[in-house]
Amino acid sequence: GVKPEFRSGSTDSNVPMDLGIPAITLGGGFQSDRTHSLDEYLTLEKDKNLQFIGINLATVITLAGGTVR
């Protein structure tokens, strides 16, 4: 029930990529606004965020060569 989104942005993944090391950034599924400002905030939705955490964990396990059941 979740569609992946491919977006550009500045993340900590830029450091290894700049060094020629493959990297990926996985989002947390929450909405945010006013990024990097004093009044930055996140809108947390427990069920949605837990779903994204599960998807991210499955992605990491799969990329590491594991099996997700």
Protein backbone atom coordinates (compact mmCIF):
# COMPACT_ATOMS: atom_id res chain seq x y z
CA GLY A 1 0.00 0.00 0.00
CA VAL A 2 3.00 2.33 -0.15
CA LYS A 3 4.40 3.74 -3.37
CA PRO A 4 8.13 4.44 -3.46
CA GLU A 5 9.18 7.96 -4.26
CA PHE A 6 12.46 8.88 -5.86
CA ARG A 7 13.53 12.38 -4.89
CA SER A 8 16.71 14.34 -4.86
CA GLY A 9 18.00 16.00 -1.77
CA SER A 10 20.95 16.52 0.46
CA THR A 11 21.53 13.67 2.91
CA ASP A 12 24.41 12.00 4.72
CA SER A 13 24.51 9.58 1.76
CA ASN A 14 26.30 12.30 -0.19
CA VAL A 15 29.54 11.67 1.75
CA PRO A 16 30.08 8.00 0.75
CA MET A 17 28.78 8.67 -2.76
CA ASP A 18 31.33 11.45 -3.14
CA LEU A 19 33.99 8.89 -2.18
CA GLY A 20 32.70 6.43 -4.80
CA ILE A 21 30.94 4.22 -2.26
CA PRO A 22 27.38 3.21 -3.21
CA ALA A 23 24.80 4.57 -0.76
CA ILE A 24 21.06 4.75 -0.32
CA THR A 25 18.83 6.91 1.87
CA LEU A 26 15.57 5.44 3.14
CA GLY A 27 12.84 7.79 4.30
CA GLY A 28 10.96 7.42 7.54
CA GLY A 29 7.54 7.97 6.03
CA PHE A 30 6.76 11.08 8.02
CA GLN A 31 5.91 14.49 6.72
CA SER A 32 8.12 17.41 7.63
CA ASP A 33 8.19 21.10 7.01
CA ARG A 34 10.52 24.06 7.54
CA THR A 35 13.57 21.75 7.21
CA HIS A 36 16.74 23.03 8.92
CA SER A 37 14.95 26.00 10.47
CA LEU A 38 14.38 26.75 14.14
CA ASP A 39 10.72 25.79 13.76
CA GLU A 40 11.26 22.58 11.78
CA TYR A 41 8.71 19.89 12.62
CA LEU A 42 7.64 16.32 11.83
CA THR A 43 4.12 14.99 11.60
CA LEU A 44 4.21 11.49 13.05
CA GLU A 45 1.57 8.88 12.26
CA LYS A 46 2.37 5.70 14.22
CA ASP A 47 0.82 3.11 11.84
CA LYS A 48 2.25 4.73 8.71
CA ASN A 49 5.70 5.25 10.27
CA LEU A 50 5.85 1.63 11.49
CA GLN A 51 4.96 0.46 7.98
CA PHE A 52 7.89 2.45 6.57
CA ILE A 53 10.24 1.11 9.26
CA GLY A 54 9.28 -2.45 8.24
CA ILE A 55 9.80 -1.68 4.55
CA ASN A 56 13.18 -0.08 5.30
CA LEU A 57 14.29 -3.04 7.41
CA ALA A 58 13.26 -5.49 4.66
CA THR A 59 15.18 -3.38 2.11
CA VAL A 60 18.36 -3.38 4.21
CA ILE A 61 18.13 -7.13 4.87
CA THR A 62 17.58 -7.84 1.17
CA LEU A 63 20.45 -5.57 0.06
CA ALA A 64 22.71 -7.35 2.59
CA GLY A 65 21.87 -10.69 0.95
CA GLY A 66 19.36 -11.92 3.49
CA THR A 67 15.90 -13.32 2.97
CA VAL A 68 12.71 -11.63 4.09
CA ARG A 69 9.68 -13.81 4.71
